[in-house]
Every structure is written in C-alpha cells, then in structure tokens.
C-alpha cells in the first residue's frame, strides 16, 4: 500500500508544483498604492526591482494632482475620488524623481516621490 501511495505522490508532485507556479504567474504584477495629498506623496519613497512589473494604484485625497516621471514615461492626472493605475517595468537601476505637475498650492514645488530601482 505504501508503494502505491509513494508512487501517487511522486506522480502528483510535478503537477502540483506547476499549478502553484501558474497561480503565482496569474496573480499579475505587484500593486503599490500611492496617495497624493497636499503637499506630498505617501509613501514618499518607492523601492522597486529592475525588471519587475509593478502596477502603481494612485489616488488623491484632496485636489487634482499629477504624477510625472520622465524616466518611466508616466504623465497622468489624479482626480479626487478616482483611481489611476499605471504599470511600469523599470529596466534601469538608479534613483528617479516623480513630481506633481498640477499646481496644488503654495508648497506644490516640494511635492515629490522618490523611486529607487535596485
């Protein structure tokens, strides 16, 4: 009886491993929530991995903001009550700066998000 059980496990293991691998792949990119509010992005710093696709889910708490990152070709408006999603796959390591490109008040120029790609 043990022989048949071991044989069944031996035959089933590759199928189970393949199913787990497929389910992880089907999950899609990692989702990172970013909130824009006067006069900051939360979190203020994102750490990403080179080659990993990430979906940024961006919301605004107060007024219309913008998210602009030249290196990743991101240029989107963030309206209160709406969710903007942007997918990126960083291909270069380094530190990049995202800015708000909608004037949102006196401290607008200080509204930055640092993206670190390792």
PDB file of N, CA and C in Angstrom:
ATOM      1  N   UNK A   1       0.820  -1.192   0.000  1.00  0.00           N
ATOM      2  CA  UNK A   1       0.000   0.000   0.000  1.00  0.00           C
ATOM      3  C   UNK A   1       0.859   1.249   0.000  1.00  0.00           C
ATOM      4  N   UNK A   2       1.950   1.270   0.792  1.00  0.00           N
ATOM      5  CA  UNK A   2       2.831   2.433   0.838  1.00  0.00           C
ATOM      6  C   UNK A   2       3.467   2.683  -0.520  1.00  0.00           C
ATOM      7  N   UNK A   3       3.769   1.643  -1.245  1.00  0.00           N
ATOM      8  CA  UNK A   3       4.399   1.800  -2.551  1.00  0.00           C
ATOM      9  C   UNK A   3       3.491   2.574  -3.494  1.00  0.00           C
ATOM     10  N   UNK A   4       2.191   2.242  -3.490  1.00  0.00           N
ATOM     11  CA  UNK A   4       1.252   2.937  -4.363  1.00  0.00           C
ATOM     12  C   UNK A   4       1.083   4.393  -3.930  1.00  0.00           C
ATOM     13  N   UNK A   5       1.061   4.632  -2.621  1.00  0.00           N
ATOM     14  CA  UNK A   5       0.926   5.999  -2.111  1.00  0.00           C
ATOM     15  C   UNK A   5       2.141   6.834  -2.509  1.00  0.00           C
ATOM     16  N   UNK A   6       3.342   6.279  -2.341  1.00  0.00           N
ATOM     17  CA  UNK A   6       4.566   6.995  -2.733  1.00  0.00           C
ATOM     18  C   UNK A   6       4.592   7.253  -4.230  1.00  0.00           C
ATOM     19  N   UNK A   7       4.165   6.252  -4.998  1.00  0.00           N
ATOM     20  CA  UNK A   7       4.118   6.422  -6.450  1.00  0.00           C
ATOM     21  C   UNK A   7       3.132   7.539  -6.815  1.00  0.00           C
ATOM     22  N   UNK A   8       1.972   7.562  -6.147  1.00  0.00           N
ATOM     23  CA  UNK A   8       0.973   8.604  -6.431  1.00  0.00           C
ATOM     24  C   UNK A   8       1.526   9.986  -6.094  1.00  0.00           C
ATOM     25  N   UNK A   9       2.227  10.097  -4.965  1.00  0.00           N
ATOM     26  CA  UNK A   9       2.828  11.381  -4.601  1.00  0.00           C
ATOM     27  C   UNK A   9       3.903  11.786  -5.595  1.00  0.00           C
ATOM     28  N   UNK A  10       4.706  10.832  -6.006  1.00  0.00           N
ATOM     29  CA  UNK A  10       5.774  11.119  -6.967  1.00  0.00           C
ATOM     30  C   UNK A  10       5.199  11.613  -8.291  1.00  0.00           C
ATOM     31  N   UNK A  11       4.096  11.016  -8.716  1.00  0.00           N
ATOM     32  CA  UNK A  11       3.477  11.434  -9.975  1.00  0.00           C
ATOM     33  C   UNK A  11       2.718  12.757  -9.828  1.00  0.00           C
ATOM     34  N   UNK A  12       2.134  12.995  -8.666  1.00  0.00           N
ATOM     35  CA  UNK A  12       1.324  14.191  -8.463  1.00  0.00           C
ATOM     36  C   UNK A  12       2.163  15.432  -8.177  1.00  0.00           C
ATOM     37  N   UNK A  13       3.335  15.282  -7.605  1.00  0.00           N
ATOM     38  CA  UNK A  13       4.145  16.431  -7.198  1.00  0.00           C
ATOM     39  C   UNK A  13       4.447  17.401  -8.340  1.00  0.00           C
ATOM     40  N   UNK A  14       4.921  16.923  -9.489  1.00  0.00           N
ATOM     41  CA  UNK A  14       5.180  17.894 -10.574  1.00  0.00           C
ATOM     42  C   UNK A  14       3.925  18.652 -11.014  1.00  0.00           C
ATOM     43  N   UNK A  15       2.783  17.988 -10.999  1.00  0.00           N
ATOM     44  CA  UNK A  15       1.527  18.643 -11.382  1.00  0.00           C
ATOM     45  C   UNK A  15       1.176  19.726 -10.362  1.00  0.00           C
ATOM     46  N   UNK A  16       1.333  19.419  -9.074  1.00  0.00           N
ATOM     47  CA  UNK A  16       1.049  20.402  -8.024  1.00  0.00           C
ATOM     48  C   UNK A  16       1.991  21.597  -8.109  1.00  0.00           C
ATOM     49  N   UNK A  17       3.268  21.345  -8.325  1.00  0.00           N
ATOM     50  CA  UNK A  17       4.234  22.436  -8.437  1.00  0.00           C
ATOM     51  C   UNK A  17       3.931  23.325  -9.635  1.00  0.00           C
ATOM     52  N   UNK A  18       3.548  22.719 -10.737  1.00  0.00           N
ATOM     53  CA  UNK A  18       3.198  23.501 -11.928  1.00  0.00           C
ATOM     54  C   UNK A  18       1.966  24.360 -11.666  1.00  0.00           C
ATOM     55  N   UNK A  19       0.986  23.828 -10.931  1.00  0.00           N
ATOM     56  CA  UNK A  19      -0.227  24.580 -10.621  1.00  0.00           C
ATOM     57  C   UNK A  19       0.089  25.777  -9.732  1.00  0.00           C
ATOM     58  N   UNK A  20       0.953  25.579  -8.743  1.00  0.00           N
ATOM     59  CA  UNK A  20       1.341  26.684  -7.861  1.00  0.00           C
ATOM     60  C   UNK A  20       2.081  27.742  -8.662  1.00  0.00           C
ATOM     61  N   UNK A  21       2.968  27.323  -9.536  1.00  0.00           N
ATOM     62  CA  UNK A  21       3.724  28.260 -10.361  1.00  0.00           C
ATOM     63  C   UNK A  21       2.783  29.061 -11.264  1.00  0.00           C
ATOM     64  N   UNK A  22       1.802  28.394 -11.869  1.00  0.00           N
ATOM     65  CA  UNK A  22       0.836  29.073 -12.737  1.00  0.00           C
ATOM     66  C   UNK A  22       0.004  30.066 -11.942  1.00  0.00           C
ATOM     67  N   UNK A  23      -0.424  29.695 -10.737  1.00  0.00           N
ATOM     68  CA  UNK A  23      -1.272  30.595  -9.968  1.00  0.00           C
ATOM     69  C   UNK A  23      -0.505  31.844  -9.565  1.00  0.00           C
ATOM     70  N   UNK A  24       0.778  31.720  -9.271  1.00  0.00           N
ATOM     71  CA  UNK A  24       1.589  32.902  -8.958  1.00  0.00           C
ATOM     72  C   UNK A  24       1.732  33.789 -10.181  1.00  0.00           C
ATOM     73  N   UNK A  25       1.919  33.188 -11.342  1.00  0.00           N
ATOM     74  CA  UNK A  25       2.054  33.971 -12.570  1.00  0.00           C
ATOM     75  C   UNK A  25       0.740  34.664 -12.919  1.00  0.00           C
ATOM     76  N   UNK A  26      -0.392  34.011 -12.604  1.00  0.00           N
ATOM     77  CA  UNK A  26      -1.692  34.586 -12.912  1.00  0.00           C
ATOM     78  C   UNK A  26      -2.054  35.747 -11.996  1.00  0.00           C
ATOM     79  N   UNK A  27      -1.344  35.902 -10.884  1.00  0.00           N
ATOM     80  CA  UNK A  27      -1.637  36.969  -9.946  1.00  0.00           C
ATOM     81  C   UNK A  27      -1.374  38.345 -10.560  1.00  0.00           C
ATOM     82  N   UNK A  28      -0.535  38.430 -11.550  1.00  0.00           N
ATOM     83  CA  UNK A  28      -0.240  39.701 -12.181  1.00  0.00           C
ATOM     84  C   UNK A  28       0.840  40.449 -11.430  1.00  0.00           C
ATOM     85  N   UNK A  29       1.054  41.701 -11.824  1.00  0.00           N
ATOM     86  CA  UNK A  29       2.122  42.486 -11.208  1.00  0.00           C
ATOM     87  C   UNK A  29       1.806  42.861  -9.763  1.00  0.00           C
ATOM     88  N   UNK A  30       2.849  43.148  -9.035  1.00  0.00           N
ATOM     89  CA  UNK A  30       2.701  43.637  -7.660  1.00  0.00           C
ATOM     90  C   UNK A  30       2.015  44.999  -7.721  1.00  0.00           C
ATOM     91  N   UNK A  31       1.080  45.234  -6.832  1.00  0.00           N
ATOM     92  CA  UNK A  31       0.344  46.501  -6.793  1.00  0.00           C
ATOM     93  C   UNK A  31       0.875  47.333  -5.632  1.00  0.00           C
ATOM     94  N   UNK A  32       1.208  48.596  -5.937  1.00  0.00           N
ATOM     95  CA  UNK A  32       1.703  49.521  -4.925  1.00  0.00           C
ATOM     96  C   UNK A  32       0.759  50.721  -4.876  1.00  0.00           C
ATOM     97  N   UNK A  33       0.189  50.966  -3.704  1.00  0.00           N
ATOM     98  CA  UNK A  33      -0.718  52.104  -3.537  1.00  0.00           C
ATOM     99  C   UNK A  33       0.082  53.364  -3.239  1.00  0.00           C
ATOM    100  N   UNK A  34      -0.262  54.437  -3.949  1.00  0.00           N
ATOM    101  CA  UNK A  34       0.364  55.743  -3.738  1.00  0.00           C
ATOM    102  C   UNK A  34      -0.770  56.752  -3.572  1.00  0.00           C
ATOM    103  N   UNK A  35      -0.689  57.548  -2.519  1.00  0.00           N
ATOM    104  CA  UNK A  35      -1.694  58.582  -2.270  1.00  0.00           C
ATOM    105  C   UNK A  35      -1.061  59.952  -2.448  1.00  0.00           C
ATOM    106  N   UNK A  36      -1.734  60.791  -3.229  1.00  0.00           N
ATOM    107  CA  UNK A  36      -1.294  62.178  -3.406  1.00  0.00           C
ATOM    108  C   UNK A  36      -2.166  63.053  -2.527  1.00  0.00           C
ATOM    109  N   UNK A  37      -1.522  63.957  -1.794  1.00  0.00           N
ATOM    110  CA  UNK A  37      -2.254  64.932  -0.988  1.00  0.00           C
ATOM    111  C   UNK A  37      -1.363  66.143  -0.813  1.00  0.00           C
ATOM    112  N   UNK A  38      -1.979  67.274  -0.532  1.00  0.00           N
ATOM    113  CA  UNK A  38      -1.171  68.477  -0.364  1.00  0.00           C
ATOM    114  C   UNK A  38      -0.182  68.256   0.759  1.00  0.00           C
ATOM    115  N   UNK A  39       1.001  68.350   0.641  1.00  0.00           N
ATOM    116  CA  UNK A  39       1.891  68.582  -0.482  1.00  0.00           C
ATOM    117  C   UNK A  39       2.905  67.450  -0.504  1.00  0.00           C
ATOM    118  N   UNK A  40       2.380  66.219  -0.614  1.00  0.00           N
ATOM    119  CA  UNK A  40       3.248  65.048  -0.551  1.00  0.00           C
ATOM    120  C   UNK A  40       2.621  63.851  -1.248  1.00  0.00           C
ATOM    121  N   UNK A  41       3.482  62.892  -1.542  1.00  0.00           N
ATOM    122  CA  UNK A  41       3.050  61.573  -1.967  1.00  0.00           C
ATOM    123  C   UNK A  41       3.313  60.643  -0.795  1.00  0.00           C
ATOM    124  N   UNK A  42       2.402  59.716  -0.554  1.00  0.00           N
ATOM    125  CA  UNK A  42       2.578  58.736   0.514  1.00  0.00           C
ATOM    126  C   UNK A  42       2.470  57.353  -0.106  1.00  0.00           C
ATOM    127  N   UNK A  43       3.506  56.536  -0.019  1.00  0.00           N
ATOM    128  CA  UNK A  43       4.783  56.785   0.627  1.00  0.00           C
ATOM    129  C   UNK A  43       5.616  57.784  -0.178  1.00  0.00           C
ATOM    130  N   UNK A  44       6.622  58.359   0.474  1.00  0.00           N
ATOM    131  CA  UNK A  44       7.491  59.349  -0.182  1.00  0.00           C
ATOM    132  C   UNK A  44       8.565  58.677  -1.025  1.00  0.00           C
ATOM    133  N   UNK A  45       8.843  57.399  -0.727  1.00  0.00           N
ATOM    134  CA  UNK A  45       9.866  56.651  -1.467  1.00  0.00           C
ATOM    135  C   UNK A  45       9.341  55.270  -1.808  1.00  0.00           C
ATOM    136  N   UNK A  46       9.549  54.859  -3.063  1.00  0.00           N
ATOM    137  CA  UNK A  46       9.227  53.500  -3.503  1.00  0.00           C
ATOM    138  C   UNK A  46      10.520  52.806  -3.870  1.00  0.00           C
ATOM    139  N   UNK A  47      10.667  51.563  -3.467  1.00  0.00           N
ATOM    140  CA  UNK A  47      11.820  50.763  -3.869  1.00  0.00           C
ATOM    141  C   UNK A  47      11.310  49.640  -4.758  1.00  0.00           C
ATOM    142  N   UNK A  48      11.794  49.619  -5.990  1.00  0.00           N
ATOM    143  CA  UNK A  48      11.380  48.633  -6.978  1.00  0.00           C
ATOM    144  C   UNK A  48      12.581  47.813  -7.419  1.00  0.00           C
ATOM    145  N   UNK A  49      12.300  46.673  -8.056  1.00  0.00           N
ATOM    146  CA  UNK A  49      13.364  45.823  -8.566  1.00  0.00           C
ATOM    147  C   UNK A  49      13.438  45.967 -10.081  1.00  0.00           C
ATOM    148  N   UNK A  50      14.635  46.032 -10.586  1.00  0.00           N
ATOM    149  CA  UNK A  50      14.848  46.107 -12.029  1.00  0.00           C
ATOM    150  C   UNK A  50      14.196  44.890 -12.686  1.00  0.00           C
ATOM    151  N   UNK A  51      13.402  45.126 -13.720  1.00  0.00           N
ATOM    152  CA  UNK A  51      12.766  44.054 -14.472  1.00  0.00           C
ATOM    153  C   UNK A  51      11.445  43.565 -13.901  1.00  0.00           C
ATOM    154  N   UNK A  52      11.067  44.012 -12.715  1.00  0.00           N
ATOM    155  CA  UNK A  52       9.802  43.579 -12.110  1.00  0.00           C
ATOM    156  C   UNK A  52       8.693  44.550 -12.512  1.00  0.00           C
ATOM    157  N   UNK A  53       7.618  44.013 -13.066  1.00  0.00           N
ATOM    158  CA  UNK A  53       6.478  44.847 -13.417  1.00  0.00           C
ATOM    159  C   UNK A  53       5.696  45.178 -12.157  1.00  0.00           C
ATOM    160  N   UNK A  54       5.374  46.455 -12.009  1.00  0.00           N
ATOM    161  CA  UNK A  54       4.651  46.946 -10.847  1.00  0.00           C
ATOM    162  C   UNK A  54       3.492  47.802 -11.333  1.00  0.00           C
ATOM    163  N   UNK A  55       2.343  47.645 -10.694  1.00  0.00           N
ATOM    164  CA  UNK A  55       1.192  48.497 -11.007  1.00  0.00           C
ATOM    165  C   UNK A  55       1.065  49.520  -9.886  1.00  0.00           C
ATOM    166  N   UNK A  56       1.217  50.794 -10.228  1.00  0.00           N
ATOM    167  CA  UNK A  56       1.011  51.866  -9.269  1.00  0.00           C
ATOM    168  C   UNK A  56      -0.472  52.213  -9.271  1.00  0.00           C
ATOM    169  N   UNK A  57      -1.104  52.138  -8.111  1.00  0.00           N
ATOM    170  CA  UNK A  57      -2.512  52.492  -7.952  1.00  0.00           C
ATOM    171  C   UNK A  57      -2.535  53.816  -7.195  1.00  0.00           C
ATOM    172  N   UNK A  58      -2.787  54.900  -7.936  1.00  0.00           N
ATOM    173  CA  UNK A  58      -2.614  56.243  -7.404  1.00  0.00           C
ATOM    174  C   UNK A  58      -3.975  56.906  -7.158  1.00  0.00           C
ATOM    175  N   UNK A  59      -4.112  57.509  -5.962  1.00  0.00           N
ATOM    176  CA  UNK A  59      -5.335  58.225  -5.609  1.00  0.00           C
ATOM    177  C   UNK A  59      -4.978  59.595  -5.041  1.00  0.00           C
ATOM    178  N   UNK A  60      -5.976  60.489  -5.007  1.00  0.00           N
ATOM    179  CA  UNK A  60      -5.804  61.815  -4.420  1.00  0.00           C
ATOM    180  C   UNK A  60      -6.760  61.970  -3.255  1.00  0.00           C
ATOM    181  N   UNK A  61      -6.277  62.552  -2.177  1.00  0.00           N
ATOM    182  CA  UNK A  61      -7.119  62.783  -1.003  1.00  0.00           C
ATOM    183  C   UNK A  61      -7.860  64.107  -1.041  1.00  0.00           C
ATOM    184  N   UNK A  62      -7.392  65.047  -1.882  1.00  0.00           N
ATOM    185  CA  UNK A  62      -7.968  66.382  -1.757  1.00  0.00           C
ATOM    186  C   UNK A  62      -8.285  67.064  -3.082  1.00  0.00           C
ATOM    187  N   UNK A  63      -7.287  67.436  -3.855  1.00  0.00           N
ATOM    188  CA  UNK A  63      -7.484  68.169  -5.106  1.00  0.00           C
ATOM    189  C   UNK A  63      -6.864  67.369  -6.250  1.00  0.00           C
ATOM    190  N   UNK A  64      -7.006  67.870  -7.467  1.00  0.00           N
ATOM    191  CA  UNK A  64      -6.375  67.210  -8.603  1.00  0.00           C
ATOM    192  C   UNK A  64      -4.864  67.402  -8.541  1.00  0.00           C
ATOM    193  N   UNK A  65      -4.167  66.314  -8.606  1.00  0.00           N
ATOM    194  CA  UNK A  65      -2.707  66.318  -8.637  1.00  0.00           C
ATOM    195  C   UNK A  65      -2.278  65.679  -9.950  1.00  0.00           C
ATOM    196  N   UNK A  66      -0.985  65.663 -10.174  1.00  0.00           N
ATOM    197  CA  UNK A  66      -0.450  64.982 -11.335  1.00  0.00           C
ATOM    198  C   UNK A  66       0.690  64.087 -10.897  1.00  0.00           C
ATOM    199  N   UNK A  67       0.991  63.106 -11.728  1.00  0.00           N
ATOM    200  CA  UNK A  67       2.157  62.245 -11.490  1.00  0.00           C
ATOM    201  C   UNK A  67       2.945  62.205 -12.787  1.00  0.00           C
ATOM    202  N   UNK A  68       4.155  62.752 -12.735  1.00  0.00           N
ATOM    203  CA  UNK A  68       5.013  62.820 -13.919  1.00  0.00           C
ATOM    204  C   UNK A  68       6.374  62.236 -13.582  1.00  0.00           C
ATOM    205  N   UNK A  69       6.765  61.209 -14.351  1.00  0.00           N
ATOM    206  CA  UNK A  69       8.096  60.608 -14.214  1.00  0.00           C
ATOM    207  C   UNK A  69       8.624  60.388 -15.624  1.00  0.00           C
ATOM    208  N   UNK A  70       9.514  61.249 -16.043  1.00  0.00           N
ATOM    209  CA  UNK A  70      10.039  61.181 -17.412  1.00  0.00           C
ATOM    210  C   UNK A  70      10.685  59.828 -17.712  1.00  0.00           C
ATOM    211  N   UNK A  71      11.474  59.302 -16.768  1.00  0.00           N
ATOM    212  CA  UNK A  71      12.217  58.053 -16.999  1.00  0.00           C
ATOM    213  C   UNK A  71      11.307  56.862 -17.296  1.00  0.00           C
ATOM    214  N   UNK A  72      10.078  56.879 -16.766  1.00  0.00           N
ATOM    215  CA  UNK A  72       9.153  55.761 -16.961  1.00  0.00           C
ATOM    216  C   UNK A  72       7.988  56.123 -17.874  1.00  0.00           C
ATOM    217  N   UNK A  73       8.064  57.301 -18.499  1.00  0.00           N
ATOM    218  CA  UNK A  73       7.034  57.787 -19.421  1.00  0.00           C
ATOM    219  C   UNK A  73       5.657  57.817 -18.759  1.00  0.00           C
ATOM    220  N   UNK A  74       5.638  58.270 -17.504  1.00  0.00           N
ATOM    221  CA  UNK A  74       4.381  58.421 -16.771  1.00  0.00           C
ATOM    222  C   UNK A  74       3.992  59.896 -16.786  1.00  0.00           C
ATOM    223  N   UNK A  75       2.769  60.157 -17.194  1.00  0.00           N
ATOM    224  CA  UNK A  75       2.225  61.520 -17.205  1.00  0.00           C
ATOM    225  C   UNK A  75       0.717  61.378 -17.044  1.00  0.00           C
ATOM    226  N   UNK A  76       0.244  61.405 -15.806  1.00  0.00           N
ATOM    227  CA  UNK A  76      -1.169  61.164 -15.562  1.00  0.00           C
ATOM    228  C   UNK A  76      -1.746  62.150 -14.563  1.00  0.00           C
ATOM    229  N   UNK A  77      -3.027  62.413 -14.709  1.00  0.00           N
ATOM    230  CA  UNK A  77      -3.753  63.259 -13.769  1.00  0.00           C
ATOM    231  C   UNK A  77      -4.379  62.375 -12.700  1.00  0.00           C
ATOM    232  N   UNK A  78      -4.434  62.892 -11.473  1.00  0.00           N
ATOM    233  CA  UNK A  78      -5.010  62.139 -10.359  1.00  0.00           C
ATOM    234  C   UNK A  78      -6.131  62.992  -9.774  1.00  0.00           C
ATOM    235  N   UNK A  79      -7.360  62.618 -10.051  1.00  0.00           N
ATOM    236  CA  UNK A  79      -8.510  63.376  -9.578  1.00  0.00           C
ATOM    237  C   UNK A  79      -9.049  62.765  -8.288  1.00  0.00           C
ATOM    238  N   UNK A  80      -9.527  63.610  -7.372  1.00  0.00           N
ATOM    239  CA  UNK A  80     -10.091  63.085  -6.129  1.00  0.00           C
ATOM    240  C   UNK A  80     -11.240  62.116  -6.412  1.00  0.00           C
ATOM    241  N   UNK A  81     -11.281  61.030  -5.658  1.00  0.00           N
ATOM    242  CA  UNK A  81     -12.359  60.056  -5.814  1.00  0.00           C
ATOM    243  C   UNK A  81     -12.160  59.066  -6.938  1.00  0.00           C
ATOM    244  N   UNK A  82     -11.081  59.203  -7.693  1.00  0.00           N
ATOM    245  CA  UNK A  82     -10.799  58.275  -8.799  1.00  0.00           C
ATOM    246  C   UNK A  82      -9.484  57.566  -8.535  1.00  0.00           C
ATOM    247  N   UNK A  83      -9.330  56.406  -9.159  1.00  0.00           N
ATOM    248  CA  UNK A  83      -8.086  55.638  -9.050  1.00  0.00           C
ATOM    249  C   UNK A  83      -7.436  55.606 -10.426  1.00  0.00           C
ATOM    250  N   UNK A  84      -6.189  56.005 -10.475  1.00  0.00           N
ATOM    251  CA  UNK A  84      -5.397  55.912 -11.705  1.00  0.00           C
ATOM    252  C   UNK A  84      -4.410  54.761 -11.530  1.00  0.00           C
ATOM    253  N   UNK A  85      -4.329  53.894 -12.520  1.00  0.00           N
ATOM    254  CA  UNK A  85      -3.371  52.790 -12.462  1.00  0.00           C
ATOM    255  C   UNK A  85      -2.367  52.934 -13.595  1.00  0.00           C
ATOM    256  N   UNK A  86      -1.106  52.769 -13.237  1.00  0.00           N
ATOM    257  CA  UNK A  86      -0.014  52.873 -14.199  1.00  0.00           C
ATOM    258  C   UNK A  86       0.910  51.679 -13.988  1.00  0.00           C
ATOM    259  N   UNK A  87       1.192  50.938 -15.050  1.00  0.00           N
ATOM    260  CA  UNK A  87       2.128  49.815 -14.945  1.00  0.00           C
ATOM    261  C   UNK A  87       3.492  50.223 -15.467  1.00  0.00           C
ATOM    262  N   UNK A  88       4.514  49.852 -14.705  1.00  0.00           N
ATOM    263  CA  UNK A  88       5.883  50.121 -15.143  1.00  0.00           C
ATOM    264  C   UNK A  88       6.731  48.882 -14.919  1.00  0.00           C
ATOM    265  N   UNK A  89       7.738  48.742 -15.760  1.00  0.00           N
ATOM    266  CA  UNK A  89       8.748  47.705 -15.607  1.00  0.00           C
ATOM    267  C   UNK A  89      10.095  48.398 -15.731  1.00  0.00           C
ATOM    268  N   UNK A  90      10.700  48.789 -14.601  1.00  0.00           N
ATOM    269  CA  UNK A  90      11.974  49.510 -14.660  1.00  0.00           C
ATOM    270  C   UNK A  90      13.076  48.647 -15.281  1.00  0.00           C
ATOM    271  N   UNK A  91      13.751  49.185 -16.238  1.00  0.00           N
ATOM    272  CA  UNK A  91      14.834  48.460 -16.909  1.00  0.00           C
ATOM    273  C   UNK A  91      16.207  49.010 -16.544  1.00  0.00           C
ATOM    274  N   UNK A  92      16.237  50.058 -15.747  1.00  0.00           N
ATOM    275  CA  UNK A  92      17.492  50.704 -15.354  1.00  0.00           C
ATOM    276  C   UNK A  92      17.490  50.909 -13.840  1.00  0.00           C
ATOM    277  N   UNK A  93      18.621  50.598 -13.226  1.00  0.00           N
ATOM    278  CA  UNK A  93      18.729  50.874 -11.793  1.00  0.00           C
ATOM    279  C   UNK A  93      19.038  52.357 -11.589  1.00  0.00           C
ATOM    280  N   UNK A  94      18.727  52.839 -10.404  1.00  0.00           N
ATOM    281  CA  UNK A  94      19.016  54.230 -10.095  1.00  0.00           C
ATOM    282  C   UNK A  94      17.927  54.845  -9.244  1.00  0.00           C
ATOM    283  N   UNK A  95      18.034  56.149  -9.051  1.00  0.00           N
ATOM    284  CA  UNK A  95      17.057  56.903  -8.276  1.00  0.00           C
ATOM    285  C   UNK A  95      16.384  57.900  -9.207  1.00  0.00           C
ATOM    286  N   UNK A  96      15.055  57.897  -9.195  1.00  0.00           N
ATOM    287  CA  UNK A  96      14.270  58.718 -10.103  1.00  0.00           C
ATOM    288  C   UNK A  96      13.285  59.551  -9.288  1.00  0.00           C
ATOM    289  N   UNK A  97      12.938  60.717  -9.799  1.00  0.00           N
ATOM    290  CA  UNK A  97      12.038  61.618  -9.092  1.00  0.00           C
ATOM    291  C   UNK A  97      10.741  61.777  -9.862  1.00  0.00           C
ATOM    292  N   UNK A  98       9.637  61.562  -9.151  1.00  0.00           N
ATOM    293  CA  UNK A  98       8.307  61.840  -9.692  1.00  0.00           C
ATOM    294  C   UNK A  98       7.853  63.165  -9.102  1.00  0.00           C
ATOM    295  N   UNK A  99       7.174  63.960  -9.907  1.00  0.00           N
ATOM    296  CA  UNK A  99       6.678  65.254  -9.423  1.00  0.00           C
ATOM    297  C   UNK A  99       5.179  65.365  -9.678  1.00  0.00           C
ATOM    298  N   UNK A 100       4.570  66.254  -8.937  1.00  0.00           N
ATOM    299  CA  UNK A 100       3.182  66.628  -9.199  1.00  0.00           C
ATOM    300  C   UNK A 100       3.230  67.721 -10.273  1.00  0.00           C
ATOM    301  N   UNK A 101       2.508  67.547 -11.361  1.00  0.00           N
ATOM    302  CA  UNK A 101       2.548  68.548 -12.427  1.00  0.00           C
ATOM    303  C   UNK A 101       1.257  69.371 -12.526  1.00  0.00           C
ATOM    304  N   UNK A 102       0.444  69.335 -11.463  1.00  0.00           N
ATOM    305  CA  UNK A 102      -0.719  70.224 -11.352  1.00  0.00           C
ATOM    306  C   UNK A 102      -0.488  71.126 -10.160  1.00  0.00           C
ATOM    307  N   UNK A 103      -0.590  72.429 -10.374  1.00  0.00           N
ATOM    308  CA  UNK A 103      -0.399  73.345  -9.257  1.00  0.00           C
ATOM    309  C   UNK A 103      -1.467  73.060  -8.212  1.00  0.00           C
ATOM    310  N   UNK A 104      -1.027  72.774  -6.980  1.00  0.00           N
ATOM    311  CA  UNK A 104      -1.963  72.378  -5.925  1.00  0.00           C
ATOM    312  C   UNK A 104      -1.826  73.235  -4.674  1.00  0.00           C
ATOM    313  N   UNK A 105      -1.089  74.331  -4.757  1.00  0.00           N
ATOM    314  CA  UNK A 105      -0.967  75.225  -3.624  1.00  0.00           C
ATOM    315  C   UNK A 105       0.458  75.695  -3.412  1.00  0.00           C
ATOM    316  N   UNK A 106       0.665  76.412  -2.309  1.00  0.00           N
ATOM    317  CA  UNK A 106       1.934  77.096  -2.034  1.00  0.00           C
ATOM    318  C   UNK A 106       3.144  76.163  -1.974  1.00  0.00           C
ATOM    319  N   UNK A 107       2.984  74.944  -1.512  1.00  0.00           N
ATOM    320  CA  UNK A 107       4.116  74.011  -1.383  1.00  0.00           C
ATOM    321  C   UNK A 107       4.200  73.012  -2.545  1.00  0.00           C
ATOM    322  N   UNK A 108       3.500  73.303  -3.630  1.00  0.00           N
ATOM    323  CA  UNK A 108       3.447  72.417  -4.801  1.00  0.00           C
ATOM    324  C   UNK A 108       4.838  71.986  -5.270  1.00  0.00           C
ATOM    325  N   UNK A 109       5.783  72.907  -5.307  1.00  0.00           N
ATOM    326  CA  UNK A 109       7.126  72.604  -5.829  1.00  0.00           C
ATOM    327  C   UNK A 109       7.863  71.563  -4.988  1.00  0.00           C
ATOM    328  N   UNK A 110       7.439  71.358  -3.752  1.00  0.00           N
ATOM    329  CA  UNK A 110       8.096  70.378  -2.874  1.00  0.00           C
ATOM    330  C   UNK A 110       7.460  68.998  -2.939  1.00  0.00           C
ATOM    331  N   UNK A 111       6.433  68.829  -3.760  1.00  0.00           N
ATOM    332  CA  UNK A 111       5.702  67.559  -3.828  1.00  0.00           C
ATOM    333  C   UNK A 111       6.414  66.611  -4.771  1.00  0.00           C
ATOM    334  N   UNK A 112       7.174  65.686  -4.170  1.00  0.00           N
ATOM    335  CA  UNK A 112       7.986  64.756  -4.949  1.00  0.00           C
ATOM    336  C   UNK A 112       7.850  63.342  -4.399  1.00  0.00           C
ATOM    337  N   UNK A 113       8.065  62.376  -5.277  1.00  0.00           N
ATOM    338  CA  UNK A 113       8.100  60.966  -4.925  1.00  0.00           C
ATOM    339  C   UNK A 113       9.418  60.418  -5.449  1.00  0.00           C
ATOM    340  N   UNK A 114      10.191  59.776  -4.584  1.00  0.00           N
ATOM    341  CA  UNK A 114      11.469  59.187  -4.993  1.00  0.00           C
ATOM    342  C   UNK A 114      11.239  57.712  -5.328  1.00  0.00           C
ATOM    343  N   UNK A 115      11.708  57.300  -6.489  1.00  0.00           N
ATOM    344  CA  UNK A 115      11.607  55.895  -6.903  1.00  0.00           C
ATOM    345  C   UNK A 115      13.025  55.358  -7.018  1.00  0.00           C
ATOM    346  N   UNK A 116      13.326  54.362  -6.201  1.00  0.00           N
ATOM    347  CA  UNK A 116      14.639  53.727  -6.201  1.00  0.00           C
ATOM    348  C   UNK A 116      14.503  52.365  -6.869  1.00  0.00           C
ATOM    349  N   UNK A 117      15.286  52.140  -7.926  1.00  0.00           N
ATOM    350  CA  UNK A 117      15.271  50.858  -8.616  1.00  0.00           C
ATOM    351  C   UNK A 117      16.577  50.151  -8.335  1.00  0.00           C
ATOM    352  N   UNK A 118      16.468  48.970  -7.739  1.00  0.00           N
ATOM    353  CA  UNK A 118      17.660  48.189  -7.375  1.00  0.00           C
ATOM    354  C   UNK A 118      17.920  47.086  -8.385  1.00  0.00           C
TER     355      UNK A 118
END
